[in-house]
Amino acid sequence: MSGVRAAILLLLISAAAPARAQQPATESDDLFNKGRQAMREQDYARALTLFERSESIEPAVGTLLNLAICEEKLGRLLRARDHLHEALDAAGPSDRRRGLIAERFSEIDDELPRLTITGPAALAPGVVVRLDGEPLDRSHLLAPIPLDPGVHTLRCSGSLARPCDHTFTIAPREQIAQLVEGVPAPSRATATSPTVALGVAETVDRPAPRRAGTLPHVLEGIGAVGLGVGIGSGAAALYEKAQVAQHCDRARCDSEGTSDIRMESRLSIVAATSLAIGLVGLATAAYLSLRP
């Protein structure tokens, strides 16, 4: 069905061309017509350049739709979806193309694969995660990130994360996760403290503290991980809430707004649960460590 809808949308674009031709020819019209000819010749890269120049001179819904078709043919689904979103915003309420534009937008959004960065180390101070060479905003971490199908690179750096350098291939509709691992905690060395006698500084070994066993350390680690995941999920939920405001009004939400609402709800639940686990873990570890 997606191919049928795309063909119908292309016919509607073609039907709108004569109305455009009735106006006095402009530089934008000339570029648009050359772009259409390049599309007929299946030279989508050249057509894309011509449509971009036409759109920069005289924005039009038809030009945006042609840009979306070229981007999709070139395998750039993210940019195709963005152009369809712009066209939907620009189309008037009576534009007969609105329904098909919205359906095509949803179809391409469903085709997009998604990557999720996992691990609380991704949110640690000073840790930088780069996707295809570009640093990711912290609000995008721990939440699904839409990508174009194909080959991508993920690199991470920072004193609190293990260096990583992953190259992966992702297919349409595929969902994968990449873990950012933290560095091991440094071992506790025997502490020393200075003492003064007769004006001469000396050092003496402190007696080793009583060991409370391994359970407090395990609970402490679980608590730290819970707090990290809770904080990260909370930040991601706030980001999704901001996205909802951009795609919803008092009456309705578009498809992306509906997806953002679901994601915000899931992330809020994860944040609340993780924070609770983290606080309980840390409190129990402190109690076990301090009891006589």
Protein backbone atom coordinates (compact mmCIF):
# COMPACT_ATOMS: atom_id res chain seq x y z
CA MET A 1 0.00 0.00 0.00
CA SER A 2 2.85 2.41 0.65
CA GLY A 3 3.89 2.23 -3.02
CA VAL A 4 0.32 2.95 -4.12
CA ARG A 5 0.06 5.98 -1.82
CA ALA A 6 3.43 7.27 -3.03
CA ALA A 7 2.27 6.93 -6.64
CA ILE A 8 -0.99 8.76 -5.90
CA LEU A 9 0.91 11.52 -4.15
CA LEU A 10 3.18 11.84 -7.17
CA LEU A 11 0.11 12.14 -9.42
CA LEU A 12 -1.27 14.91 -7.22
CA ILE A 13 2.06 16.74 -7.47
CA SER A 14 1.93 16.40 -11.25
CA ALA A 15 -1.67 17.62 -11.32
CA ALA A 16 -0.63 20.77 -9.47
CA ALA A 17 2.11 21.55 -12.00
CA PRO A 18 -0.22 23.00 -14.72
CA ALA A 19 -1.64 25.47 -12.18
CA ARG A 20 1.88 26.59 -11.43
CA ALA A 21 2.61 26.87 -15.14
CA GLN A 22 -0.30 29.32 -15.59
CA GLN A 23 1.66 31.90 -13.59
CA PRO A 24 4.41 34.00 -15.24
CA ALA A 25 7.61 31.94 -15.38
CA THR A 26 10.15 32.73 -12.68
CA GLU A 27 13.62 31.47 -11.84
CA SER A 28 12.03 29.24 -9.21
CA ASP A 29 9.64 27.75 -11.82
CA ASP A 30 12.52 27.11 -14.22
CA LEU A 31 14.50 25.27 -11.52
CA PHE A 32 11.38 23.30 -10.51
CA ASN A 33 10.72 22.17 -14.10
CA LYS A 34 14.35 21.14 -14.55
CA GLY A 35 14.10 19.16 -11.33
CA ARG A 36 11.01 17.35 -12.61
CA GLN A 37 12.86 16.48 -15.83
CA ALA A 38 15.80 15.12 -13.82
CA MET A 39 13.37 12.96 -11.82
CA ARG A 40 11.92 11.53 -15.02
CA GLU A 41 15.50 10.63 -15.98
CA GLN A 42 15.92 9.06 -12.49
CA ASP A 43 18.79 11.46 -11.74
CA TYR A 44 17.58 12.05 -8.18
CA ALA A 45 20.76 13.68 -6.90
CA ARG A 46 20.59 16.41 -9.58
CA ALA A 47 16.82 16.75 -9.12
CA LEU A 48 17.34 17.22 -5.39
CA THR A 49 19.80 20.08 -5.95
CA LEU A 50 17.41 21.82 -8.38
CA PHE A 51 14.41 21.49 -6.04
CA GLU A 52 16.46 22.83 -3.12
CA ARG A 53 17.38 25.93 -5.13
CA SER A 54 13.76 26.39 -6.21
CA GLU A 55 12.52 26.05 -2.62
CA SER A 56 15.06 28.59 -1.36
CA ILE A 57 13.72 31.17 -3.85
CA GLU A 58 9.99 30.43 -3.59
CA PRO A 59 8.82 27.93 -0.93
CA ALA A 60 5.97 25.68 -2.06
CA VAL A 61 4.27 22.51 -0.85
CA GLY A 62 4.81 20.78 -4.21
CA THR A 63 8.54 21.46 -4.07
CA LEU A 64 8.76 20.00 -0.55
CA LEU A 65 6.96 16.85 -1.72
CA ASN A 66 9.38 16.45 -4.62
CA LEU A 67 12.29 16.93 -2.21
CA ALA A 68 10.87 14.16 -0.01
CA ILE A 69 10.60 11.78 -2.98
CA CYS A 70 14.22 12.48 -4.03
CA GLU A 71 15.55 11.99 -0.49
CA GLU A 72 13.65 8.69 -0.18
CA LYS A 73 15.02 7.46 -3.52
CA LEU A 74 18.54 8.31 -2.30
CA GLY A 75 17.99 6.31 0.91
CA ARG A 76 17.81 9.31 3.25
CA LEU A 77 14.56 8.54 5.03
CA LEU A 78 15.14 10.99 7.90
CA ARG A 79 15.36 13.96 5.55
CA ALA A 80 12.40 12.66 3.52
CA ARG A 81 10.32 12.53 6.71
CA ASP A 82 11.42 16.08 7.62
CA HIS A 83 10.33 17.43 4.22
CA LEU A 84 6.95 15.73 4.56
CA HIS A 85 6.52 17.28 8.00
CA GLU A 86 7.28 20.72 6.52
CA ALA A 87 4.82 20.09 3.68
CA LEU A 88 2.11 19.07 6.14
CA ASP A 89 2.65 22.28 8.11
CA ALA A 90 2.59 24.38 4.93
CA ALA A 91 -0.49 22.75 3.33
CA GLY A 92 -3.75 24.57 3.99
CA PRO A 93 -6.79 22.86 5.57
CA SER A 94 -8.47 22.51 2.18
CA ASP A 95 -5.38 21.07 0.42
CA ARG A 96 -6.47 17.68 -0.93
CA ARG A 97 -2.92 16.39 -0.48
CA ARG A 98 -2.95 16.66 3.33
CA GLY A 99 -4.33 13.18 3.99
CA LEU A 100 -1.83 11.44 1.71
CA ILE A 101 1.05 13.54 3.06
CA ALA A 102 0.17 12.50 6.63
CA GLU A 103 -0.11 8.82 5.66
CA ARG A 104 3.22 8.91 3.82
CA PHE A 105 4.85 10.63 6.81
CA SER A 106 3.66 7.83 9.13
CA GLU A 107 4.83 5.12 6.74
CA ILE A 108 8.34 6.53 6.48
CA ASP A 109 8.48 7.09 10.26
CA ASP A 110 7.60 3.40 10.75
CA GLU A 111 10.38 2.40 8.30
CA LEU A 112 13.07 4.27 10.26
CA PRO A 113 15.35 2.03 12.36
CA ARG A 114 16.15 3.20 15.89
CA LEU A 115 19.21 3.07 18.14
CA THR A 116 19.12 3.22 21.96
CA ILE A 117 22.24 4.13 23.95
CA THR A 118 22.19 2.20 27.25
CA GLY A 119 24.22 2.28 30.45
CA PRO A 120 24.36 4.97 33.15
CA ALA A 121 27.97 5.74 32.17
CA ALA A 122 26.60 7.49 29.06
CA LEU A 123 25.21 10.21 31.37
CA ALA A 124 28.31 10.54 33.54
CA PRO A 125 29.96 14.01 33.66
CA GLY A 126 32.56 14.50 30.96
CA VAL A 127 31.47 11.48 28.90
CA VAL A 128 30.94 12.30 25.21
CA VAL A 129 29.04 9.92 22.91
CA ARG A 130 29.40 10.60 19.18
CA LEU A 131 27.11 9.16 16.51
CA ASP A 132 28.56 9.38 12.99
CA GLY A 133 31.07 11.93 14.27
CA GLU A 134 28.50 14.25 15.86
CA PRO A 135 28.22 14.52 19.67
CA LEU A 136 24.81 13.45 20.96
CA ASP A 137 22.84 15.79 23.18
CA ARG A 138 22.36 14.29 26.64
CA SER A 139 18.58 14.53 26.19
CA HIS A 140 18.84 11.95 23.36
CA LEU A 141 20.62 9.35 25.49
CA LEU A 142 18.71 6.33 26.88
CA ALA A 143 15.84 7.01 24.42
CA PRO A 144 15.39 5.56 20.87
CA ILE A 145 17.15 7.64 18.20
CA PRO A 146 15.78 7.35 14.61
CA LEU A 147 18.44 6.70 11.97
CA ASP A 148 18.72 6.20 8.24
CA PRO A 149 19.19 2.53 7.30
CA GLY A 150 22.83 1.65 6.61
CA VAL A 151 26.24 1.82 8.27
CA HIS A 152 26.85 4.05 11.30
CA THR A 153 29.63 4.62 13.84
CA LEU A 154 29.38 5.12 17.61
CA ARG A 155 32.30 6.41 19.65
CA CYS A 156 32.50 7.28 23.34
CA SER A 157 35.18 8.94 25.42
CA GLY A 158 35.64 10.40 28.90
CA SER A 159 37.34 9.53 32.16
CA LEU A 160 34.24 7.75 33.53
CA ALA A 161 33.54 5.54 30.49
CA ARG A 162 35.46 2.83 28.70
CA PRO A 163 36.58 4.13 25.27
CA CYS A 164 34.38 2.58 22.58
CA ASP A 165 34.45 2.57 18.80
CA HIS A 166 31.60 0.60 17.21
CA THR A 167 30.67 0.34 13.54
CA PHE A 168 27.26 -1.23 12.94
CA THR A 169 24.75 -1.75 10.14
CA ILE A 170 21.06 -1.21 10.81
CA ALA A 171 18.15 -2.24 8.57
CA PRO A 172 14.75 -0.58 8.10
CA ARG A 173 12.46 -1.02 11.14
CA GLU A 174 15.31 -2.61 13.14
CA GLN A 175 15.82 -1.56 16.76
CA ILE A 176 19.21 -2.12 18.40
CA ALA A 177 20.93 -1.04 21.62
CA GLN A 178 24.56 -0.07 22.23
CA LEU A 179 26.02 -0.18 25.75
CA VAL A 180 28.35 2.52 27.08
CA GLU A 181 30.35 0.85 29.86
CA GLY A 182 31.71 2.62 32.91
CA VAL A 183 35.30 2.26 34.12
CA PRO A 184 35.95 0.03 37.17
CA ALA A 185 36.06 1.84 40.51
CA PRO A 186 39.65 2.31 41.78
CA SER A 187 40.72 -0.12 44.53
CA ARG A 188 40.90 1.30 48.02
CA ALA A 189 44.55 1.62 49.09
CA THR A 190 45.65 1.58 52.69
CA ALA A 191 45.24 5.13 53.96
CA THR A 192 48.04 6.95 55.74
CA SER A 193 47.89 10.03 57.92
CA PRO A 194 50.64 12.35 59.13
CA THR A 195 51.41 12.68 62.83
CA VAL A 196 53.74 15.25 64.42
CA ALA A 197 56.23 14.41 67.24
CA LEU A 198 58.97 16.74 68.40
CA GLY A 199 58.47 18.88 65.31
CA VAL A 200 59.28 16.02 62.90
CA ALA A 201 56.57 14.81 60.53
CA GLU A 202 56.18 11.05 60.44
CA THR A 203 53.64 8.75 58.84
CA VAL A 204 52.06 5.75 60.47
CA ASP A 205 49.72 3.19 58.96
CA ARG A 206 46.12 3.41 60.06
CA PRO A 207 44.61 0.16 61.21
CA ALA A 208 42.47 -1.35 58.49
CA PRO A 209 38.77 -0.58 59.03
CA ARG A 210 36.44 -3.38 59.92
CA ARG A 211 35.10 -4.98 56.76
CA ALA A 212 31.37 -5.24 56.58
CA GLY A 213 31.43 -7.87 53.87
CA THR A 214 30.68 -7.57 50.14
CA LEU A 215 26.90 -7.09 50.38
CA PRO A 216 27.04 -3.34 51.18
CA HIS A 217 29.30 -2.77 48.16
CA VAL A 218 26.95 -4.72 45.91
CA LEU A 219 23.95 -2.72 47.16
CA GLU A 220 25.93 0.51 46.78
CA GLY A 221 26.64 -0.34 43.14
CA ILE A 222 23.00 -1.24 42.47
CA GLY A 223 21.92 2.04 44.10
CA ALA A 224 24.34 4.10 41.98
CA VAL A 225 23.20 2.40 38.77
CA GLY A 226 19.54 2.92 39.73
CA LEU A 227 20.08 6.63 40.35
CA GLY A 228 21.99 7.00 37.08
CA VAL A 229 19.29 5.29 35.03
CA GLY A 230 16.58 7.24 36.88
CA ILE A 231 18.22 10.60 36.23
CA GLY A 232 18.88 9.75 32.59
CA SER A 233 15.36 8.48 31.98
CA GLY A 234 13.94 11.55 33.72
CA ALA A 235 15.94 13.84 31.45
CA ALA A 236 14.79 11.89 28.39
CA ALA A 237 11.15 12.10 29.61
CA LEU A 238 11.43 15.89 29.91
CA TYR A 239 12.78 16.04 26.36
CA GLU A 240 9.87 13.94 25.05
CA LYS A 241 7.44 16.22 26.93
CA ALA A 242 8.92 19.21 25.12
CA GLN A 243 8.48 17.37 21.81
CA VAL A 244 4.81 16.69 22.63
CA ALA A 245 4.20 20.42 22.99
CA GLN A 246 5.53 20.96 19.46
CA HIS A 247 3.33 18.31 17.85
CA CYS A 248 0.09 18.60 19.80
CA ASP A 249 -2.50 21.29 20.20
CA ARG A 250 -5.64 21.35 22.36
CA ALA A 251 -7.61 19.30 19.86
CA ARG A 252 -5.23 16.63 18.55
CA CYS A 253 -1.68 15.39 18.06
CA ASP A 254 0.04 14.34 14.86
CA SER A 255 1.62 10.87 14.58
CA GLU A 256 4.95 12.02 15.98
CA GLY A 257 3.22 13.72 18.92
CA THR A 258 1.35 10.49 19.74
CA SER A 259 4.63 8.56 19.64
CA ASP A 260 6.25 11.16 21.91
CA ILE A 261 3.40 10.84 24.45
CA ARG A 262 3.86 7.06 24.65
CA MET A 263 7.63 7.40 24.98
CA GLU A 264 7.28 10.07 27.72
CA SER A 265 4.99 7.77 29.72
CA ARG A 266 7.40 4.84 29.48
CA LEU A 267 10.42 6.90 30.40
CA SER A 268 8.62 8.45 33.39
CA ILE A 269 7.83 4.97 34.73
CA VAL A 270 11.44 3.85 34.21
CA ALA A 271 12.74 7.01 35.93
CA ALA A 272 10.49 6.65 38.99
CA THR A 273 11.23 2.93 39.39
CA SER A 274 15.00 3.35 38.93
CA LEU A 275 15.21 6.25 41.41
CA ALA A 276 13.30 4.23 44.01
CA ILE A 277 15.60 1.22 43.54
CA GLY A 278 18.66 3.49 43.70
CA LEU A 279 17.61 5.19 46.93
CA VAL A 280 16.69 1.91 48.64
CA GLY A 281 19.99 0.34 47.55
CA LEU A 282 22.11 3.21 48.84
CA ALA A 283 20.19 3.47 52.13
CA THR A 284 20.50 -0.27 52.80
CA ALA A 285 24.23 -0.23 51.95
CA ALA A 286 24.80 2.67 54.39
CA TYR A 287 22.92 0.87 57.16
CA LEU A 288 24.89 -2.37 56.72
CA SER A 289 28.20 -0.51 56.60
CA LEU A 290 27.58 1.53 59.78
CA ARG A 291 25.91 -1.02 62.04
CA PRO A 292 28.15 -2.43 64.85
